[in-house]
C-alpha atoms as a PDB file:
ATOM      1  CA  MET A   1     117.828  65.743  65.466  1.00  0.00           C
ATOM      2  CA  ALA A   2     115.736  63.717  67.946  1.00  0.00           C
ATOM      3  CA  GLU A   3     117.094  61.908  70.553  1.00  0.00           C
ATOM      4  CA  TRP A   4     116.810  58.613  72.699  1.00  0.00           C
ATOM      5  CA  GLU A   5     115.168  58.869  76.036  1.00  0.00           C
ATOM      6  CA  PHE A   6     115.590  55.687  78.168  1.00  0.00           C
ATOM      7  CA  SER A   7     113.888  55.318  81.626  1.00  0.00           C
ATOM      8  CA  TYR A   8     114.861  53.340  84.354  1.00  0.00           C
ATOM      9  CA  GLU A   9     113.151  50.834  85.888  1.00  0.00           C
ATOM     10  CA  LYS A  10     116.550  49.572  88.544  1.00  0.00           C
ATOM     11  CA  PRO A  11     118.618  51.903  90.439  1.00  0.00           C
ATOM     12  CA  GLU A  12     121.856  50.427  88.498  1.00  0.00           C
ATOM     13  CA  SER A  13     120.318  50.867  85.382  1.00  0.00           C
ATOM     14  CA  LYS A  14     121.155  54.800  85.392  1.00  0.00           C
ATOM     15  CA  LYS A  15     125.160  53.157  86.728  1.00  0.00           C
ATOM     16  CA  LEU A  16     125.361  51.167  83.790  1.00  0.00           C
ATOM     17  CA  GLN A  17     124.221  53.991  81.104  1.00  0.00           C
ATOM     18  CA  LYS A  18     127.028  56.191  82.861  1.00  0.00           C
ATOM     19  CA  ALA A  19     129.380  53.693  81.973  1.00  0.00           C
ATOM     20  CA  VAL A  20     128.667  53.749  78.251  1.00  0.00           C
ATOM     21  CA  ASN A  21     128.948  57.046  78.156  1.00  0.00           C
ATOM     22  CA  ASP A  22     131.841  57.354  80.031  1.00  0.00           C
ATOM     23  CA  ALA A  23     133.728  54.477  77.808  1.00  0.00           C
ATOM     24  CA  ALA A  24     132.280  56.415  74.700  1.00  0.00           C
ATOM     25  CA  LYS A  25     134.075  59.874  75.696  1.00  0.00           C
ATOM     26  CA  PHE A  26     137.182  58.250  77.339  1.00  0.00           C
ATOM     27  CA  LEU A  27     137.730  56.563  74.179  1.00  0.00           C
ATOM     28  CA  THR A  28     137.104  59.221  71.199  1.00  0.00           C
ATOM     29  CA  ASP A  29     139.319  61.313  73.622  1.00  0.00           C
ATOM     30  CA  ASN A  30     141.873  59.177  73.963  1.00  0.00           C
ATOM     31  CA  ARG A  31     141.314  57.485  70.655  1.00  0.00           C
ATOM     32  CA  GLU A  32     145.157  58.104  69.507  1.00  0.00           C
ATOM     33  CA  LEU A  33     146.360  55.921  72.484  1.00  0.00           C
ATOM     34  CA  PHE A  34     144.889  53.295  71.169  1.00  0.00           C
ATOM     35  CA  PRO A  35     146.019  50.542  68.677  1.00  0.00           C
ATOM     36  CA  ASP A  36     144.681  51.537  65.169  1.00  0.00           C
ATOM     37  CA  GLY A  37     142.264  50.939  64.309  1.00  0.00           C
ATOM     38  CA  TYR A  38     140.953  49.997  67.371  1.00  0.00           C
ATOM     39  CA  VAL A  39     138.261  52.978  67.910  1.00  0.00           C
ATOM     40  CA  PRO A  40     135.774  53.248  65.188  1.00  0.00           C
ATOM     41  CA  ILE A  41     135.564  55.833  63.856  1.00  0.00           C
ATOM     42  CA  SER A  42     131.945  55.580  63.015  1.00  0.00           C
ATOM     43  CA  SER A  43     129.283  56.025  65.535  1.00  0.00           C
ATOM     44  CA  SER A  44     127.042  53.240  65.226  1.00  0.00           C
ATOM     45  CA  SER A  45     130.667  51.067  65.949  1.00  0.00           C
ATOM     46  CA  LEU A  46     131.896  53.028  68.199  1.00  0.00           C
ATOM     47  CA  ALA A  47     128.959  52.636  70.145  1.00  0.00           C
ATOM     48  CA  ALA A  48     129.570  48.936  70.267  1.00  0.00           C
ATOM     49  CA  VAL A  49     132.947  49.141  71.595  1.00  0.00           C
ATOM     50  CA  ALA A  50     131.924  51.608  74.181  1.00  0.00           C
ATOM     51  CA  ILE A  51     129.682  48.653  75.158  1.00  0.00           C
ATOM     52  CA  ARG A  52     131.758  45.768  74.878  1.00  0.00           C
ATOM     53  CA  VAL A  53     134.771  48.261  77.577  1.00  0.00           C
ATOM     54  CA  HIS A  54     132.220  49.794  79.635  1.00  0.00           C
ATOM     55  CA  PRO A  55     133.063  47.509  82.677  1.00  0.00           C
ATOM     56  CA  GLU A  56     136.049  49.263  83.251  1.00  0.00           C
ATOM     57  CA  PHE A  57     134.012  52.354  83.625  1.00  0.00           C
ATOM     58  CA  ILE A  58     131.585  50.838  86.347  1.00  0.00           C
ATOM     59  CA  ASN A  59     133.792  51.554  89.498  1.00  0.00           C
ATOM     60  CA  THR A  60     135.597  54.370  88.103  1.00  0.00           C
ATOM     61  CA  GLN A  61     132.724  56.685  88.784  1.00  0.00           C
ATOM     62  CA  GLY A  62     133.509  58.895  91.960  1.00  0.00           C
ATOM     63  CA  SER A  63     136.980  57.762  92.688  1.00  0.00           C
ATOM     64  CA  ASN A  64     140.427  59.241  93.439  1.00  0.00           C
ATOM     65  CA  GLY A  65     141.977  56.480  91.261  1.00  0.00           C
ATOM     66  CA  VAL A  66     145.380  57.534  89.970  1.00  0.00           C
ATOM     67  CA  ASN A  67     145.147  55.573  86.393  1.00  0.00           C
ATOM     68  CA  THR A  68     146.334  57.514  83.774  1.00  0.00           C
ATOM     69  CA  PRO A  69     144.997  57.329  80.353  1.00  0.00           C
ATOM     70  CA  SER A  70     148.002  55.733  79.049  1.00  0.00           C
ATOM     71  CA  LYS A  71     147.502  52.830  81.630  1.00  0.00           C
ATOM     72  CA  MET A  72     143.328  52.938  81.287  1.00  0.00           C
ATOM     73  CA  VAL A  73     143.894  51.868  77.703  1.00  0.00           C
ATOM     74  CA  LYS A  74     146.990  49.451  77.984  1.00  0.00           C
ATOM     75  CA  ASP A  75     144.548  48.133  80.493  1.00  0.00           C
ATOM     76  CA  ILE A  76     141.383  47.861  78.174  1.00  0.00           C
ATOM     77  CA  VAL A  77     143.652  46.648  74.940  1.00  0.00           C
ATOM     78  CA  ALA A  78     144.423  43.707  77.455  1.00  0.00           C
ATOM     79  CA  LYS A  79     141.020  42.397  78.546  1.00  0.00           C
ATOM     80  CA  TYR A  80     139.425  43.201  75.354  1.00  0.00           C
ATOM     81  CA  PRO A  81     141.328  42.393  72.298  1.00  0.00           C
END
């Protein structure tokens, strides 16, 4: 299977890609905490939602915050209905 290859012209680009990847993983790993239908099953639709909510994962990288998955889900659903 072929994989995408990305280049990073700006240091910020790598951080943003990591935030999208983290968002996709969080959505998948915590699917049962979201309202029914919020997290799509198809990978392309999941990618679209991950891109939409990725700002929530930019400032969490390397932090020791106390956000629980349930709290994060509540915040994400409120900001991105």
